[in-house]
């Protein structure tokens, strides 16, 4: 299933690194996944996943810790998607 994750906020956690919070609209995301920023096609590596118990009308609230080298490609309002199949 294709993944679609809409970023609501980006921030840094001291000692952990860059984080994003947002809504997982469809699909599944796992630690170690490489996603793609839909707007720029930049790859983004997921270092850890924090699933919140709260569900919205759109989807599940999820926090993602990103690889520091990739985090600058992601801003509030970005959409992360599954990369195209090889």
N, C-alpha and C. Protein backbone atom coordinates (compact mmCIF):
# COMPACT_ATOMS: atom_id res chain seq x y z
N UNK A 1 0.84 -1.18 0.00
CA UNK A 1 0.00 0.00 0.00
C UNK A 1 0.88 1.24 0.00
N UNK A 2 0.51 2.22 -0.78
CA UNK A 2 1.25 3.48 -0.84
C UNK A 2 1.12 4.23 0.48
N UNK A 3 2.15 4.94 0.85
CA UNK A 3 2.17 5.71 2.09
C UNK A 3 1.96 7.18 1.76
N UNK A 4 1.19 7.86 2.61
CA UNK A 4 1.03 9.31 2.51
C UNK A 4 0.99 9.87 3.92
N UNK A 5 1.96 10.74 4.24
CA UNK A 5 2.14 11.32 5.57
C UNK A 5 2.25 12.83 5.39
N UNK A 6 1.38 13.59 6.04
CA UNK A 6 1.38 15.05 5.93
C UNK A 6 2.04 15.64 7.18
N UNK A 7 3.13 16.38 6.99
CA UNK A 7 3.89 16.97 8.09
C UNK A 7 3.17 18.20 8.62
N UNK A 8 2.95 18.22 9.93
CA UNK A 8 2.32 19.38 10.57
C UNK A 8 3.34 20.29 11.23
N UNK A 9 4.44 19.71 11.76
CA UNK A 9 5.43 20.50 12.48
C UNK A 9 6.79 19.82 12.39
N UNK A 10 7.84 20.61 12.45
CA UNK A 10 9.21 20.10 12.50
C UNK A 10 9.90 20.72 13.70
N UNK A 11 10.78 19.98 14.35
CA UNK A 11 11.48 20.51 15.52
C UNK A 11 12.69 19.64 15.82
N UNK A 12 13.55 20.15 16.70
CA UNK A 12 14.74 19.43 17.14
C UNK A 12 14.55 19.01 18.59
N UNK A 13 14.92 17.80 18.92
CA UNK A 13 14.93 17.35 20.30
C UNK A 13 16.39 17.17 20.70
N UNK A 14 16.84 17.92 21.71
CA UNK A 14 18.24 17.81 22.13
C UNK A 14 18.59 16.36 22.46
N UNK A 15 19.70 15.92 21.92
CA UNK A 15 20.17 14.56 22.15
C UNK A 15 19.53 13.51 21.26
N UNK A 16 18.47 13.88 20.52
CA UNK A 16 17.80 12.92 19.63
C UNK A 16 17.88 13.35 18.18
N UNK A 17 17.75 14.65 17.91
CA UNK A 17 17.85 15.13 16.55
C UNK A 17 16.53 15.61 15.98
N UNK A 18 16.46 15.71 14.66
CA UNK A 18 15.28 16.27 14.00
C UNK A 18 14.07 15.34 14.07
N UNK A 19 12.94 15.94 14.35
CA UNK A 19 11.67 15.22 14.45
C UNK A 19 10.63 15.95 13.61
N UNK A 20 9.67 15.19 13.12
CA UNK A 20 8.49 15.78 12.50
C UNK A 20 7.27 15.14 13.14
N UNK A 21 6.19 15.89 13.22
CA UNK A 21 4.93 15.32 13.66
C UNK A 21 3.93 15.57 12.56
N UNK A 22 3.01 14.64 12.41
CA UNK A 22 2.03 14.79 11.35
C UNK A 22 1.01 13.68 11.36
N UNK A 23 0.27 13.59 10.28
CA UNK A 23 -0.83 12.64 10.16
C UNK A 23 -0.50 11.61 9.08
N UNK A 24 -0.55 10.34 9.47
CA UNK A 24 -0.38 9.25 8.53
C UNK A 24 -1.73 9.00 7.89
N UNK A 25 -1.89 9.47 6.66
CA UNK A 25 -3.17 9.41 5.96
C UNK A 25 -3.46 8.01 5.43
N UNK A 26 -2.42 7.33 4.95
CA UNK A 26 -2.58 5.96 4.46
C UNK A 26 -1.23 5.26 4.45
N UNK A 27 -1.28 3.94 4.56
CA UNK A 27 -0.07 3.13 4.53
C UNK A 27 0.53 2.94 5.91
N UNK A 28 1.72 2.36 5.94
CA UNK A 28 2.46 2.08 7.17
C UNK A 28 3.86 2.63 7.03
N UNK A 29 4.42 3.13 8.14
CA UNK A 29 5.80 3.60 8.15
C UNK A 29 6.53 2.85 9.27
N UNK A 30 7.77 2.48 8.98
CA UNK A 30 8.57 1.71 9.93
C UNK A 30 9.97 2.32 10.06
N UNK A 31 10.59 2.05 11.19
CA UNK A 31 11.98 2.43 11.39
C UNK A 31 12.82 1.85 10.25
N UNK A 32 13.67 2.67 9.68
CA UNK A 32 14.53 2.22 8.59
C UNK A 32 13.98 2.50 7.20
N UNK A 33 12.71 2.90 7.11
CA UNK A 33 12.12 3.21 5.80
C UNK A 33 12.78 4.45 5.19
N UNK A 34 12.86 4.48 3.88
CA UNK A 34 13.23 5.68 3.15
C UNK A 34 11.99 6.15 2.43
N UNK A 35 11.59 7.39 2.74
CA UNK A 35 10.41 8.00 2.11
C UNK A 35 10.89 9.08 1.16
N UNK A 36 9.95 9.71 0.48
CA UNK A 36 10.28 10.76 -0.47
C UNK A 36 9.40 11.97 -0.19
N UNK A 37 10.00 13.16 -0.20
CA UNK A 37 9.23 14.40 -0.08
C UNK A 37 8.54 14.60 -1.44
N UNK A 38 7.21 14.59 -1.45
CA UNK A 38 6.47 14.63 -2.71
C UNK A 38 6.79 15.89 -3.52
N UNK A 39 6.97 17.00 -2.85
CA UNK A 39 7.17 18.27 -3.56
C UNK A 39 8.54 18.38 -4.22
N UNK A 40 9.58 17.83 -3.60
CA UNK A 40 10.95 18.00 -4.12
C UNK A 40 11.59 16.70 -4.58
N UNK A 41 10.95 15.57 -4.30
CA UNK A 41 11.48 14.23 -4.63
C UNK A 41 12.73 13.88 -3.81
N UNK A 42 13.02 14.64 -2.75
CA UNK A 42 14.18 14.37 -1.91
C UNK A 42 13.92 13.13 -1.04
N UNK A 43 14.92 12.25 -0.90
CA UNK A 43 14.76 11.09 -0.03
C UNK A 43 14.91 11.48 1.44
N UNK A 44 14.17 10.80 2.31
CA UNK A 44 14.20 11.06 3.75
C UNK A 44 14.23 9.70 4.46
N UNK A 45 15.24 9.51 5.31
CA UNK A 45 15.36 8.24 6.04
C UNK A 45 14.76 8.37 7.44
N UNK A 46 13.96 7.39 7.82
CA UNK A 46 13.28 7.38 9.11
C UNK A 46 14.13 6.59 10.11
N UNK A 47 14.53 7.26 11.21
CA UNK A 47 15.33 6.59 12.23
C UNK A 47 14.48 5.95 13.32
N UNK A 48 13.31 6.54 13.62
CA UNK A 48 12.40 5.93 14.57
C UNK A 48 11.00 6.48 14.36
N UNK A 49 10.02 5.72 14.86
CA UNK A 49 8.60 6.06 14.69
C UNK A 49 7.95 6.10 16.06
N UNK A 50 7.17 7.16 16.31
CA UNK A 50 6.44 7.31 17.57
C UNK A 50 4.96 7.45 17.22
N UNK A 51 4.20 6.36 17.39
CA UNK A 51 2.78 6.38 17.04
C UNK A 51 1.99 6.84 18.26
N UNK A 52 1.18 7.86 18.07
CA UNK A 52 0.32 8.36 19.13
C UNK A 52 -0.99 7.59 19.11
N UNK A 53 -1.64 7.54 20.23
CA UNK A 53 -2.89 6.78 20.31
C UNK A 53 -4.06 7.56 19.77
N UNK A 54 -3.85 8.84 19.49
CA UNK A 54 -4.95 9.67 19.03
C UNK A 54 -5.13 9.58 17.52
N UNK A 55 -6.33 9.38 17.11
CA UNK A 55 -6.70 9.31 15.69
C UNK A 55 -7.44 10.60 15.34
N UNK A 56 -7.19 11.14 14.17
CA UNK A 56 -7.94 12.29 13.69
C UNK A 56 -8.90 11.81 12.61
N UNK A 57 -9.72 12.71 12.10
CA UNK A 57 -10.60 12.35 11.00
C UNK A 57 -9.81 11.93 9.76
N UNK A 58 -8.60 12.49 9.62
CA UNK A 58 -7.78 12.22 8.44
C UNK A 58 -6.92 10.97 8.58
N UNK A 59 -6.48 10.67 9.80
CA UNK A 59 -5.58 9.53 9.99
C UNK A 59 -4.97 9.51 11.37
N UNK A 60 -3.92 8.75 11.53
CA UNK A 60 -3.25 8.53 12.81
C UNK A 60 -2.14 9.55 13.02
N UNK A 61 -2.05 10.12 14.22
CA UNK A 61 -0.97 11.05 14.55
C UNK A 61 0.31 10.26 14.79
N UNK A 62 1.38 10.65 14.10
CA UNK A 62 2.64 9.91 14.16
C UNK A 62 3.79 10.91 14.19
N UNK A 63 4.78 10.63 15.04
CA UNK A 63 6.02 11.39 15.05
C UNK A 63 7.12 10.57 14.40
N UNK A 64 7.97 11.21 13.63
CA UNK A 64 9.08 10.52 12.97
C UNK A 64 10.39 11.22 13.32
N UNK A 65 11.40 10.45 13.74
CA UNK A 65 12.74 10.99 13.91
C UNK A 65 13.46 10.73 12.61
N UNK A 66 14.01 11.80 12.03
CA UNK A 66 14.63 11.71 10.71
C UNK A 66 16.15 11.73 10.80
N UNK A 67 16.78 11.19 9.78
CA UNK A 67 18.24 11.27 9.67
C UNK A 67 18.60 12.75 9.54
N UNK A 68 19.57 13.23 10.32
CA UNK A 68 19.91 14.66 10.31
C UNK A 68 20.23 15.23 8.93
N UNK A 69 20.88 14.45 8.07
CA UNK A 69 21.23 14.94 6.74
C UNK A 69 20.01 15.15 5.84
N UNK A 70 18.90 14.49 6.17
CA UNK A 70 17.71 14.56 5.33
C UNK A 70 16.68 15.57 5.83
N UNK A 71 16.77 15.96 7.10
CA UNK A 71 15.71 16.73 7.74
C UNK A 71 15.47 18.10 7.10
N UNK A 72 16.48 18.72 6.53
CA UNK A 72 16.30 20.06 5.96
C UNK A 72 15.37 20.06 4.75
N UNK A 73 15.13 18.90 4.17
CA UNK A 73 14.24 18.80 3.00
C UNK A 73 12.77 18.80 3.40
N UNK A 74 12.50 18.70 4.71
CA UNK A 74 11.12 18.57 5.19
C UNK A 74 10.70 19.81 5.95
N UNK A 75 9.55 20.37 5.59
CA UNK A 75 8.99 21.53 6.28
C UNK A 75 7.52 21.25 6.61
N UNK A 76 6.98 22.07 7.49
CA UNK A 76 5.55 21.95 7.79
C UNK A 76 4.78 22.10 6.48
N UNK A 77 3.84 21.22 6.25
CA UNK A 77 3.07 21.23 5.01
C UNK A 77 3.59 20.26 3.96
N UNK A 78 4.81 19.74 4.16
CA UNK A 78 5.35 18.74 3.23
C UNK A 78 4.52 17.46 3.31
N UNK A 79 4.54 16.73 2.21
CA UNK A 79 3.91 15.40 2.18
C UNK A 79 5.00 14.37 1.91
N UNK A 80 5.10 13.38 2.80
CA UNK A 80 6.04 12.29 2.60
C UNK A 80 5.27 11.12 2.00
N UNK A 81 5.87 10.49 0.99
CA UNK A 81 5.20 9.39 0.29
C UNK A 81 6.19 8.24 0.11
N UNK A 82 5.64 7.10 -0.26
CA UNK A 82 6.49 5.95 -0.59
C UNK A 82 7.28 6.29 -1.85
N UNK A 83 8.56 5.87 -1.89
CA UNK A 83 9.31 6.11 -3.13
C UNK A 83 8.75 5.26 -4.26
N UNK A 84 8.97 5.68 -5.50
CA UNK A 84 8.49 4.86 -6.63
C UNK A 84 9.13 3.47 -6.58
N UNK A 85 8.38 2.48 -6.97
CA UNK A 85 8.90 1.12 -6.97
C UNK A 85 10.00 0.98 -8.01
N UNK A 86 11.05 0.27 -7.63
CA UNK A 86 12.17 0.06 -8.55
C UNK A 86 11.82 -1.00 -9.58
